[in-house]
Amino acid sequence: MPDQKVLRQIKDSEEEADEIIAEAEQDADERISAAREEAEQIREEARQEAAELAENRIEEAREEIEEQREEILAEGDAERETLESQAEERIDEVLEYVMNEFEEAVHAQT
């Protein structure tokens, strides 16, 4: 009879050990699943943050390019105005030169 009791205790212990192992495996599976979900969430957040940073950098670059464009246009306008002013100042001089050349050409033919 004592052998039956010992065998029963061994069997109960084995069953309890099997339950503990099954619970541990289930717990490990749940932890792994949760860790995978958390890792995916972290990756997605990192992707979104990277996309936002990239968009911010692109916008900053656009603004900088627009500022440079405006400066170049302003410089171009100023240079154009200077050249126009210089050209207008020389109109009388050029007309006089052309008239003198024309007169000399006419006198040379006569």
PDB file of N, CA and C in Angstrom:
ATOM      1  N   MET A   1       0.794  -1.190   0.000  1.00  0.00           N
ATOM      2  CA  MET A   1       0.000   0.000   0.000  1.00  0.00           C
ATOM      3  C   MET A   1       0.842   1.263   0.000  1.00  0.00           C
ATOM      4  N   PRO A   2       1.882   1.302   0.804  1.00  0.00           N
ATOM      5  CA  PRO A   2       2.691   2.519   0.791  1.00  0.00           C
ATOM      6  C   PRO A   2       3.243   2.785  -0.596  1.00  0.00           C
ATOM      7  N   ASP A   3       3.450   1.753  -1.379  1.00  0.00           N
ATOM      8  CA  ASP A   3       3.947   1.968  -2.730  1.00  0.00           C
ATOM      9  C   ASP A   3       2.907   2.721  -3.569  1.00  0.00           C
ATOM     10  N   GLN A   4       1.651   2.405  -3.350  1.00  0.00           N
ATOM     11  CA  GLN A   4       0.581   3.093  -4.068  1.00  0.00           C
ATOM     12  C   GLN A   4       0.573   4.587  -3.720  1.00  0.00           C
ATOM     13  N   LYS A   5       0.767   4.861  -2.448  1.00  0.00           N
ATOM     14  CA  LYS A   5       0.778   6.236  -1.984  1.00  0.00           C
ATOM     15  C   LYS A   5       1.952   6.995  -2.591  1.00  0.00           C
ATOM     16  N   VAL A   6       3.101   6.377  -2.618  1.00  0.00           N
ATOM     17  CA  VAL A   6       4.303   6.992  -3.177  1.00  0.00           C
ATOM     18  C   VAL A   6       4.107   7.193  -4.680  1.00  0.00           C
ATOM     19  N   LEU A   7       3.571   6.169  -5.342  1.00  0.00           N
ATOM     20  CA  LEU A   7       3.325   6.285  -6.779  1.00  0.00           C
ATOM     21  C   LEU A   7       2.328   7.406  -7.072  1.00  0.00           C
ATOM     22  N   ARG A   8       1.317   7.511  -6.221  1.00  0.00           N
ATOM     23  CA  ARG A   8       0.317   8.568  -6.405  1.00  0.00           C
ATOM     24  C   ARG A   8       0.953   9.938  -6.207  1.00  0.00           C
ATOM     25  N   GLN A   9       1.805  10.070  -5.216  1.00  0.00           N
ATOM     26  CA  GLN A   9       2.488  11.343  -4.954  1.00  0.00           C
ATOM     27  C   GLN A   9       3.407  11.706  -6.138  1.00  0.00           C
ATOM     28  N   ILE A  10       4.075  10.679  -6.674  1.00  0.00           N
ATOM     29  CA  ILE A  10       4.955  10.917  -7.827  1.00  0.00           C
ATOM     30  C   ILE A  10       4.118  11.365  -9.022  1.00  0.00           C
ATOM     31  N   LYS A  11       2.984  10.676  -9.225  1.00  0.00           N
ATOM     32  CA  LYS A  11       2.124  11.023 -10.341  1.00  0.00           C
ATOM     33  C   LYS A  11       1.559  12.437 -10.165  1.00  0.00           C
ATOM     34  N   ASP A  12       1.127  12.750  -8.953  1.00  0.00           N
ATOM     35  CA  ASP A  12       0.609  14.098  -8.683  1.00  0.00           C
ATOM     36  C   ASP A  12       1.697  15.155  -8.900  1.00  0.00           C
ATOM     37  N   SER A  13       2.903  14.856  -8.472  1.00  0.00           N
ATOM     38  CA  SER A  13       4.023  15.780  -8.645  1.00  0.00           C
ATOM     39  C   SER A  13       4.339  15.984 -10.123  1.00  0.00           C
ATOM     40  N   GLU A  14       4.283  14.891 -10.891  1.00  0.00           N
ATOM     41  CA  GLU A  14       4.530  14.992 -12.332  1.00  0.00           C
ATOM     42  C   GLU A  14       3.453  15.837 -13.006  1.00  0.00           C
ATOM     43  N   GLU A  15       2.197  15.620 -12.621  1.00  0.00           N
ATOM     44  CA  GLU A  15       1.103  16.395 -13.179  1.00  0.00           C
ATOM     45  C   GLU A  15       1.263  17.875 -12.829  1.00  0.00           C
ATOM     46  N   GLU A  16       1.639  18.130 -11.563  1.00  0.00           N
ATOM     47  CA  GLU A  16       1.857  19.507 -11.127  1.00  0.00           C
ATOM     48  C   GLU A  16       3.025  20.130 -11.897  1.00  0.00           C
ATOM     49  N   ALA A  17       4.077  19.353 -12.109  1.00  0.00           N
ATOM     50  CA  ALA A  17       5.226  19.846 -12.873  1.00  0.00           C
ATOM     51  C   ALA A  17       4.821  20.128 -14.312  1.00  0.00           C
ATOM     52  N   ASP A  18       4.013  19.240 -14.897  1.00  0.00           N
ATOM     53  CA  ASP A  18       3.525  19.459 -16.265  1.00  0.00           C
ATOM     54  C   ASP A  18       2.682  20.743 -16.347  1.00  0.00           C
ATOM     55  N   GLU A  19       1.836  20.971 -15.336  1.00  0.00           N
ATOM     56  CA  GLU A  19       1.029  22.187 -15.310  1.00  0.00           C
ATOM     57  C   GLU A  19       1.917  23.430 -15.186  1.00  0.00           C
ATOM     58  N   ILE A  20       2.922  23.345 -14.332  1.00  0.00           N
ATOM     59  CA  ILE A  20       3.843  24.476 -14.152  1.00  0.00           C
ATOM     60  C   ILE A  20       4.583  24.762 -15.458  1.00  0.00           C
ATOM     61  N   ILE A  21       5.028  23.717 -16.123  1.00  0.00           N
ATOM     62  CA  ILE A  21       5.737  23.877 -17.401  1.00  0.00           C
ATOM     63  C   ILE A  21       4.802  24.483 -18.456  1.00  0.00           C
ATOM     64  N   ALA A  22       3.572  23.972 -18.510  1.00  0.00           N
ATOM     65  CA  ALA A  22       2.606  24.484 -19.488  1.00  0.00           C
ATOM     66  C   ALA A  22       2.309  25.958 -19.219  1.00  0.00           C
ATOM     67  N   GLU A  23       2.119  26.310 -17.951  1.00  0.00           N
ATOM     68  CA  GLU A  23       1.873  27.702 -17.596  1.00  0.00           C
ATOM     69  C   GLU A  23       3.087  28.576 -17.944  1.00  0.00           C
ATOM     70  N   ALA A  24       4.284  28.045 -17.668  1.00  0.00           N
ATOM     71  CA  ALA A  24       5.504  28.797 -17.976  1.00  0.00           C
ATOM     72  C   ALA A  24       5.649  29.004 -19.488  1.00  0.00           C
ATOM     73  N   GLU A  25       5.350  27.938 -20.251  1.00  0.00           N
ATOM     74  CA  GLU A  25       5.419  28.067 -21.719  1.00  0.00           C
ATOM     75  C   GLU A  25       4.395  29.072 -22.222  1.00  0.00           C
ATOM     76  N   GLN A  26       3.167  29.018 -21.682  1.00  0.00           N
ATOM     77  CA  GLN A  26       2.130  29.958 -22.082  1.00  0.00           C
ATOM     78  C   GLN A  26       2.545  31.384 -21.709  1.00  0.00           C
ATOM     79  N   ASP A  27       3.087  31.542 -20.504  1.00  0.00           N
ATOM     80  CA  ASP A  27       3.548  32.858 -20.057  1.00  0.00           C
ATOM     81  C   ASP A  27       4.668  33.364 -20.965  1.00  0.00           C
ATOM     82  N   ALA A  28       5.599  32.481 -21.329  1.00  0.00           N
ATOM     83  CA  ALA A  28       6.700  32.863 -22.218  1.00  0.00           C
ATOM     84  C   ALA A  28       6.156  33.270 -23.585  1.00  0.00           C
ATOM     85  N   ASP A  29       5.195  32.488 -24.113  1.00  0.00           N
ATOM     86  CA  ASP A  29       4.582  32.827 -25.402  1.00  0.00           C
ATOM     87  C   ASP A  29       3.893  34.189 -25.342  1.00  0.00           C
ATOM     88  N   GLU A  30       3.168  34.442 -24.254  1.00  0.00           N
ATOM     89  CA  GLU A  30       2.478  35.722 -24.098  1.00  0.00           C
ATOM     90  C   GLU A  30       3.482  36.873 -24.015  1.00  0.00           C
ATOM     91  N   ARG A  31       4.571  36.658 -23.253  1.00  0.00           N
ATOM     92  CA  ARG A  31       5.596  37.706 -23.132  1.00  0.00           C
ATOM     93  C   ARG A  31       6.272  37.972 -24.479  1.00  0.00           C
ATOM     94  N   ILE A  32       6.550  36.911 -25.205  1.00  0.00           N
ATOM     95  CA  ILE A  32       7.180  37.066 -26.533  1.00  0.00           C
ATOM     96  C   ILE A  32       6.233  37.823 -27.466  1.00  0.00           C
ATOM     97  N   SER A  33       4.969  37.450 -27.434  1.00  0.00           N
ATOM     98  CA  SER A  33       3.973  38.129 -28.274  1.00  0.00           C
ATOM     99  C   SER A  33       3.872  39.609 -27.897  1.00  0.00           C
ATOM    100  N   ALA A  34       3.822  39.881 -26.609  1.00  0.00           N
ATOM    101  CA  ALA A  34       3.740  41.272 -26.150  1.00  0.00           C
ATOM    102  C   ALA A  34       5.000  42.040 -26.550  1.00  0.00           C
ATOM    103  N   ALA A  35       6.157  41.398 -26.431  1.00  0.00           N
ATOM    104  CA  ALA A  35       7.413  42.049 -26.809  1.00  0.00           C
ATOM    105  C   ALA A  35       7.442  42.338 -28.306  1.00  0.00           C
ATOM    106  N   ARG A  36       6.936  41.409 -29.094  1.00  0.00           N
ATOM    107  CA  ARG A  36       6.880  41.632 -30.541  1.00  0.00           C
ATOM    108  C   ARG A  36       5.953  42.800 -30.884  1.00  0.00           C
ATOM    109  N   GLU A  37       4.799  42.833 -30.225  1.00  0.00           N
ATOM    110  CA  GLU A  37       3.859  43.938 -30.460  1.00  0.00           C
ATOM    111  C   GLU A  37       4.490  45.272 -30.063  1.00  0.00           C
ATOM    112  N   GLU A  38       5.167  45.284 -28.912  1.00  0.00           N
ATOM    113  CA  GLU A  38       5.820  46.513 -28.449  1.00  0.00           C
ATOM    114  C   GLU A  38       6.936  46.926 -29.414  1.00  0.00           C
ATOM    115  N   ALA A  39       7.698  45.953 -29.892  1.00  0.00           N
ATOM    116  CA  ALA A  39       8.769  46.256 -30.850  1.00  0.00           C
ATOM    117  C   ALA A  39       8.188  46.825 -32.140  1.00  0.00           C
ATOM    118  N   GLU A  40       7.083  46.260 -32.608  1.00  0.00           N
ATOM    119  CA  GLU A  40       6.444  46.773 -33.827  1.00  0.00           C
ATOM    120  C   GLU A  40       5.921  48.194 -33.602  1.00  0.00           C
ATOM    121  N   GLN A  41       5.358  48.433 -32.434  1.00  0.00           N
ATOM    122  CA  GLN A  41       4.873  49.773 -32.111  1.00  0.00           C
ATOM    123  C   GLN A  41       6.045  50.764 -32.076  1.00  0.00           C
ATOM    124  N   ILE A  42       7.157  50.365 -31.495  1.00  0.00           N
ATOM    125  CA  ILE A  42       8.341  51.226 -31.437  1.00  0.00           C
ATOM    126  C   ILE A  42       8.856  51.498 -32.844  1.00  0.00           C
ATOM    127  N   ARG A  43       8.897  50.450 -33.690  1.00  0.00           N
ATOM    128  CA  ARG A  43       9.338  50.641 -35.081  1.00  0.00           C
ATOM    129  C   ARG A  43       8.421  51.614 -35.819  1.00  0.00           C
ATOM    130  N   GLU A  44       7.121  51.467 -35.633  1.00  0.00           N
ATOM    131  CA  GLU A  44       6.165  52.338 -36.308  1.00  0.00           C
ATOM    132  C   GLU A  44       6.321  53.780 -35.824  1.00  0.00           C
ATOM    133  N   GLU A  45       6.496  53.961 -34.532  1.00  0.00           N
ATOM    134  CA  GLU A  45       6.708  55.306 -33.992  1.00  0.00           C
ATOM    135  C   GLU A  45       8.001  55.901 -34.554  1.00  0.00           C
ATOM    136  N   ALA A  46       9.036  55.075 -34.659  1.00  0.00           N
ATOM    137  CA  ALA A  46      10.311  55.545 -35.214  1.00  0.00           C
ATOM    138  C   ALA A  46      10.139  55.934 -36.685  1.00  0.00           C
ATOM    139  N   ARG A  47       9.380  55.129 -37.440  1.00  0.00           N
ATOM    140  CA  ARG A  47       9.109  55.456 -38.842  1.00  0.00           C
ATOM    141  C   ARG A  47       8.380  56.801 -38.957  1.00  0.00           C
ATOM    142  N   GLN A  48       7.362  56.969 -38.131  1.00  0.00           N
ATOM    143  CA  GLN A  48       6.595  58.214 -38.165  1.00  0.00           C
ATOM    144  C   GLN A  48       7.472  59.405 -37.777  1.00  0.00           C
ATOM    145  N   GLU A  49       8.285  59.224 -36.760  1.00  0.00           N
ATOM    146  CA  GLU A  49       9.171  60.310 -36.330  1.00  0.00           C
ATOM    147  C   GLU A  49      10.182  60.645 -37.429  1.00  0.00           C
ATOM    148  N   ALA A  50      10.718  59.624 -38.070  1.00  0.00           N
ATOM    149  CA  ALA A  50      11.671  59.852 -39.160  1.00  0.00           C
ATOM    150  C   ALA A  50      10.992  60.582 -40.317  1.00  0.00           C
ATOM    151  N   ALA A  51       9.768  60.195 -40.624  1.00  0.00           N
ATOM    152  CA  ALA A  51       9.030  60.854 -41.710  1.00  0.00           C
ATOM    153  C   ALA A  51       8.761  62.319 -41.357  1.00  0.00           C
ATOM    154  N   GLU A  52       8.401  62.581 -40.113  1.00  0.00           N
ATOM    155  CA  GLU A  52       8.161  63.960 -39.685  1.00  0.00           C
ATOM    156  C   GLU A  52       9.446  64.780 -39.750  1.00  0.00           C
ATOM    157  N   LEU A  53      10.550  64.192 -39.291  1.00  0.00           N
ATOM    158  CA  LEU A  53      11.836  64.889 -39.350  1.00  0.00           C
ATOM    159  C   LEU A  53      12.218  65.193 -40.794  1.00  0.00           C
ATOM    160  N   ALA A  54      12.025  64.220 -41.656  1.00  0.00           N
ATOM    161  CA  ALA A  54      12.353  64.415 -43.069  1.00  0.00           C
ATOM    162  C   ALA A  54      11.481  65.529 -43.659  1.00  0.00           C
ATOM    163  N   GLU A  55      10.208  65.516 -43.344  1.00  0.00           N
ATOM    164  CA  GLU A  55       9.304  66.552 -43.858  1.00  0.00           C
ATOM    165  C   GLU A  55       9.703  67.924 -43.318  1.00  0.00           C
ATOM    166  N   ASN A  56      10.078  67.989 -42.047  1.00  0.00           N
ATOM    167  CA  ASN A  56      10.526  69.260 -41.467  1.00  0.00           C
ATOM    168  C   ASN A  56      11.788  69.758 -42.159  1.00  0.00           C
ATOM    169  N   ARG A  57      12.725  68.861 -42.401  1.00  0.00           N
ATOM    170  CA  ARG A  57      13.967  69.250 -43.079  1.00  0.00           C
ATOM    171  C   ARG A  57      13.687  69.712 -44.502  1.00  0.00           C
ATOM    172  N   ILE A  58      12.791  69.026 -45.182  1.00  0.00           N
ATOM    173  CA  ILE A  58      12.424  69.426 -46.547  1.00  0.00           C
ATOM    174  C   ILE A  58      11.790  70.814 -46.521  1.00  0.00           C
ATOM    175  N   GLU A  59      10.899  71.047 -45.574  1.00  0.00           N
ATOM    176  CA  GLU A  59      10.244  72.354 -45.475  1.00  0.00           C
ATOM    177  C   GLU A  59      11.262  73.451 -45.163  1.00  0.00           C
ATOM    178  N   GLU A  60      12.200  73.161 -44.257  1.00  0.00           N
ATOM    179  CA  GLU A  60      13.249  74.133 -43.947  1.00  0.00           C
ATOM    180  C   GLU A  60      14.091  74.428 -45.186  1.00  0.00           C
ATOM    181  N   ALA A  61      14.414  73.389 -45.934  1.00  0.00           N
ATOM    182  CA  ALA A  61      15.202  73.575 -47.159  1.00  0.00           C
ATOM    183  C   ALA A  61      14.421  74.412 -48.172  1.00  0.00           C
ATOM    184  N   ARG A  62      13.128  74.150 -48.295  1.00  0.00           N
ATOM    185  CA  ARG A  62      12.290  74.936 -49.216  1.00  0.00           C
ATOM    186  C   ARG A  62      12.279  76.409 -48.818  1.00  0.00           C
ATOM    187  N   GLU A  63      12.144  76.640 -47.519  1.00  0.00           N
ATOM    188  CA  GLU A  63      12.122  78.024 -47.037  1.00  0.00           C
ATOM    189  C   GLU A  63      13.461  78.707 -47.313  1.00  0.00           C
ATOM    190  N   GLU A  64      14.545  77.999 -47.066  1.00  0.00           N
ATOM    191  CA  GLU A  64      15.868  78.556 -47.318  1.00  0.00           C
ATOM    192  C   GLU A  64      16.066  78.842 -48.803  1.00  0.00           C
ATOM    193  N   ILE A  65      15.633  77.923 -49.641  1.00  0.00           N
ATOM    194  CA  ILE A  65      15.736  78.112 -51.095  1.00  0.00           C
ATOM    195  C   ILE A  65      14.895  79.315 -51.525  1.00  0.00           C
ATOM    196  N   GLU A  66      13.711  79.446 -50.952  1.00  0.00           N
ATOM    197  CA  GLU A  66      12.846  80.579 -51.299  1.00  0.00           C
ATOM    198  C   GLU A  66      13.505  81.893 -50.877  1.00  0.00           C
ATOM    199  N   GLU A  67      14.130  81.917 -49.701  1.00  0.00           N
ATOM    200  CA  GLU A  67      14.826  83.124 -49.252  1.00  0.00           C
ATOM    201  C   GLU A  67      15.968  83.465 -50.206  1.00  0.00           C
ATOM    202  N   GLN A  68      16.737  82.450 -50.591  1.00  0.00           N
ATOM    203  CA  GLN A  68      17.835  82.678 -51.524  1.00  0.00           C
ATOM    204  C   GLN A  68      17.309  83.164 -52.873  1.00  0.00           C
ATOM    205  N   ARG A  69      16.220  82.585 -53.309  1.00  0.00           N
ATOM    206  CA  ARG A  69      15.601  82.986 -54.581  1.00  0.00           C
ATOM    207  C   ARG A  69      15.204  84.451 -54.526  1.00  0.00           C
ATOM    208  N   GLU A  70      14.570  84.843 -53.416  1.00  0.00           N
ATOM    209  CA  GLU A  70      14.144  86.235 -53.265  1.00  0.00           C
ATOM    210  C   GLU A  70      15.350  87.169 -53.265  1.00  0.00           C
ATOM    211  N   GLU A  71      16.425  86.773 -52.594  1.00  0.00           N
ATOM    212  CA  GLU A  71      17.643  87.592 -52.579  1.00  0.00           C
ATOM    213  C   GLU A  71      18.225  87.725 -53.983  1.00  0.00           C
ATOM    214  N   ILE A  72      18.273  86.629 -54.701  1.00  0.00           N
ATOM    215  CA  ILE A  72      18.822  86.646 -56.071  1.00  0.00           C
ATOM    216  C   ILE A  72      17.964  87.542 -56.966  1.00  0.00           C
ATOM    217  N   LEU A  73      16.651  87.412 -56.840  1.00  0.00           N
ATOM    218  CA  LEU A  73      15.760  88.253 -57.641  1.00  0.00           C
ATOM    219  C   LEU A  73      15.942  89.730 -57.295  1.00  0.00           C
ATOM    220  N   ALA A  74      16.079  90.023 -56.001  1.00  0.00           N
ATOM    221  CA  ALA A  74      16.269  91.417 -55.589  1.00  0.00           C
ATOM    222  C   ALA A  74      17.586  91.957 -56.139  1.00  0.00           C
ATOM    223  N   GLU A  75      18.638  91.141 -56.064  1.00  0.00           N
ATOM    224  CA  GLU A  75      19.930  91.553 -56.612  1.00  0.00           C
ATOM    225  C   GLU A  75      19.828  91.761 -58.118  1.00  0.00           C
ATOM    226  N   GLY A  76      19.135  90.869 -58.795  1.00  0.00           N
ATOM    227  CA  GLY A  76      18.946  90.975 -60.242  1.00  0.00           C
ATOM    228  C   GLY A  76      18.178  92.240 -60.604  1.00  0.00           C
ATOM    229  N   ASP A  77      17.126  92.539 -59.828  1.00  0.00           N
ATOM    230  CA  ASP A  77      16.351  93.751 -60.079  1.00  0.00           C
ATOM    231  C   ASP A  77      17.210  94.994 -59.885  1.00  0.00           C
ATOM    232  N   ALA A  78      17.995  94.992 -58.822  1.00  0.00           N
ATOM    233  CA  ALA A  78      18.862  96.145 -58.554  1.00  0.00           C
ATOM    234  C   ALA A  78      19.887  96.320 -59.674  1.00  0.00           C
ATOM    235  N   GLU A  79      20.465  95.212 -60.114  1.00  0.00           N
ATOM    236  CA  GLU A  79      21.458  95.281 -61.197  1.00  0.00           C
ATOM    237  C   GLU A  79      20.806  95.744 -62.503  1.00  0.00           C
ATOM    238  N   ARG A  80      19.600  95.232 -62.777  1.00  0.00           N
ATOM    239  CA  ARG A  80      18.873  95.652 -63.977  1.00  0.00           C
ATOM    240  C   ARG A  80      18.594  97.149 -63.940  1.00  0.00           C
ATOM    241  N   GLU A  81      18.146  97.642 -62.800  1.00  0.00           N
ATOM    242  CA  GLU A  81      17.862  99.070 -62.675  1.00  0.00           C
ATOM    243  C   GLU A  81      19.132  99.901 -62.880  1.00  0.00           C
ATOM    244  N   THR A  82      20.247  99.423 -62.335  1.00  0.00           N
ATOM    245  CA  THR A  82      21.520 100.128 -62.515  1.00  0.00           C
ATOM    246  C   THR A  82      21.905 100.164 -63.982  1.00  0.00           C
ATOM    247  N   LEU A  83      21.787  99.022 -64.650  1.00  0.00           N
ATOM    248  CA  LEU A  83      22.136  98.963 -66.073  1.00  0.00           C
ATOM    249  C   LEU A  83      21.204  99.841 -66.911  1.00  0.00           C
ATOM    250  N   GLU A  84      19.915  99.830 -66.593  1.00  0.00           N
ATOM    251  CA  GLU A  84      18.969 100.678 -67.320  1.00  0.00           C
ATOM    252  C   GLU A  84      19.314 102.150 -67.122  1.00  0.00           C
ATOM    253  N   SER A  85      19.640 102.507 -65.911  1.00  0.00           N
ATOM    254  CA  SER A  85      19.990 103.892 -65.610  1.00  0.00           C
ATOM    255  C   SER A  85      21.250 104.307 -66.366  1.00  0.00           C
ATOM    256  N   GLN A  86      22.251 103.435 -66.354  1.00  0.00           N
ATOM    257  CA  GLN A  86      23.494 103.723 -67.073  1.00  0.00           C
ATOM    258  C   GLN A  86      23.227 103.837 -68.580  1.00  0.00           C
ATOM    259  N   ALA A  87      22.386 102.977 -69.098  1.00  0.00           N
ATOM    260  CA  ALA A  87      22.066 103.008 -70.528  1.00  0.00           C
ATOM    261  C   ALA A  87      21.330 104.299 -70.882  1.00  0.00           C
ATOM    262  N   GLU A  88      20.381 104.685 -70.039  1.00  0.00           N
ATOM    263  CA  GLU A  88      19.650 105.926 -70.289  1.00  0.00           C
ATOM    264  C   GLU A  88      20.573 107.138 -70.255  1.00  0.00           C
ATOM    265  N   GLU A  89      21.538 107.102 -69.340  1.00  0.00           N
ATOM    266  CA  GLU A  89      22.498 108.218 -69.245  1.00  0.00           C
ATOM    267  C   GLU A  89      23.351 108.322 -70.508  1.00  0.00           C
ATOM    268  N   ARG A  90      23.557 107.225 -71.183  1.00  0.00           N
ATOM    269  CA  ARG A  90      24.432 107.215 -72.366  1.00  0.00           C
ATOM    270  C   ARG A  90      23.682 107.393 -73.684  1.00  0.00           C
ATOM    271  N   ILE A  91      22.376 107.495 -73.652  1.00  0.00           N
ATOM    272  CA  ILE A  91      21.597 107.611 -74.890  1.00  0.00           C
ATOM    273  C   ILE A  91      22.051 108.835 -75.691  1.00  0.00           C
ATOM    274  N   ASP A  92      22.149 109.988 -75.033  1.00  0.00           N
ATOM    275  CA  ASP A  92      22.563 111.208 -75.752  1.00  0.00           C
ATOM    276  C   ASP A  92      23.967 111.040 -76.327  1.00  0.00           C
ATOM    277  N   GLU A  93      24.836 110.451 -75.532  1.00  0.00           N
ATOM    278  CA  GLU A  93      26.226 110.235 -75.984  1.00  0.00           C
ATOM    279  C   GLU A  93      26.262 109.322 -77.208  1.00  0.00           C
ATOM    280  N   VAL A  94      25.489 108.253 -77.165  1.00  0.00           N
ATOM    281  CA  VAL A  94      25.463 107.295 -78.274  1.00  0.00           C
ATOM    282  C   VAL A  94      24.839 107.952 -79.512  1.00  0.00           C
ATOM    283  N   LEU A  95      23.755 108.677 -79.326  1.00  0.00           N
ATOM    284  CA  LEU A  95      23.128 109.361 -80.451  1.00  0.00           C
ATOM    285  C   LEU A  95      24.103 110.344 -81.103  1.00  0.00           C
ATOM    286  N   GLU A  96      24.815 111.083 -80.280  1.00  0.00           N
ATOM    287  CA  GLU A  96      25.786 112.034 -80.821  1.00  0.00           C
ATOM    288  C   GLU A  96      26.884 111.293 -81.586  1.00  0.00           C
ATOM    289  N   TYR A  97      27.344 110.191 -81.046  1.00  0.00           N
ATOM    290  CA  TYR A  97      28.384 109.402 -81.713  1.00  0.00           C
ATOM    291  C   TYR A  97      27.881 108.897 -83.069  1.00  0.00           C
ATOM    292  N   VAL A  98      26.677 108.332 -83.065  1.00  0.00           N
ATOM    293  CA  VAL A  98      26.106 107.790 -84.297  1.00  0.00           C
ATOM    294  C   VAL A  98      25.920 108.910 -85.324  1.00  0.00           C
ATOM    295  N   MET A  99      25.433 110.043 -84.887  1.00  0.00           N
ATOM    296  CA  MET A  99      25.239 111.172 -85.809  1.00  0.00           C
ATOM    297  C   MET A  99      26.579 111.635 -86.385  1.00  0.00           C
ATOM    298  N   ASN A 100      27.586 111.719 -85.547  1.00  0.00           N
ATOM    299  CA  ASN A 100      28.927 112.112 -86.028  1.00  0.00           C
ATOM    300  C   ASN A 100      29.453 111.100 -87.041  1.00  0.00           C
ATOM    301  N   GLU A 101      29.285 109.850 -86.736  1.00  0.00           N
ATOM    302  CA  GLU A 101      29.757 108.804 -87.657  1.00  0.00           C
ATOM    303  C   GLU A 101      29.003 108.894 -88.986  1.00  0.00           C
ATOM    304  N   PHE A 102      27.687 109.119 -88.885  1.00  0.00           N
ATOM    305  CA  PHE A 102      26.873 109.232 -90.088  1.00  0.00           C
ATOM    306  C   PHE A 102      27.308 110.447 -90.919  1.00  0.00           C
ATOM    307  N   GLU A 103      27.488 111.576 -90.243  1.00  0.00           N
ATOM    308  CA  GLU A 103      27.904 112.783 -90.932  1.00  0.00           C
ATOM    309  C   GLU A 103      29.272 112.598 -91.621  1.00  0.00           C
ATOM    310  N   GLU A 104      30.188 111.922 -90.892  1.00  0.00           N
ATOM    311  CA  GLU A 104      31.505 111.670 -91.460  1.00  0.00           C
ATOM    312  C   GLU A 104      31.398 110.764 -92.693  1.00  0.00           C
ATOM    313  N   ALA A 105      30.514 109.785 -92.609  1.00  0.00           N
ATOM    314  CA  ALA A 105      30.312 108.884 -93.726  1.00  0.00           C
ATOM    315  C   ALA A 105      29.713 109.615 -94.913  1.00  0.00           C
ATOM    316  N   VAL A 106      28.769 110.505 -94.648  1.00  0.00           N
ATOM    317  CA  VAL A 106      28.133 111.278 -95.714  1.00  0.00           C
ATOM    318  C   VAL A 106      29.162 112.218 -96.332  1.00  0.00           C
ATOM    319  N   HIS A 107      29.964 112.890 -95.523  1.00  0.00           N
ATOM    320  CA  HIS A 107      30.970 113.802 -96.033  1.00  0.00           C
ATOM    321  C   HIS A 107      32.066 113.053 -96.793  1.00  0.00           C
ATOM    322  N   ALA A 108      32.326 111.877 -96.365  1.00  0.00           N
ATOM    323  CA  ALA A 108      33.362 111.096 -97.050  1.00  0.00           C
ATOM    324  C   ALA A 108      32.892 110.672 -98.438  1.00  0.00           C
ATOM    325  N   GLN A 109      31.603 110.523 -98.636  1.00  0.00           N
ATOM    326  CA  GLN A 109      31.071 110.102 -99.924  1.00  0.00           C
ATOM    327  C   GLN A 109      30.933 111.288-100.865  1.00  0.00           C
ATOM    328  N   THR A 110      30.937 112.456-100.338  1.00  0.00           N
ATOM    329  CA  THR A 110      30.766 113.622-101.210  1.00  0.00           C
ATOM    330  C   THR A 110      32.049 114.273-101.596  1.00  0.00           C
TER     331      THR A 110
END
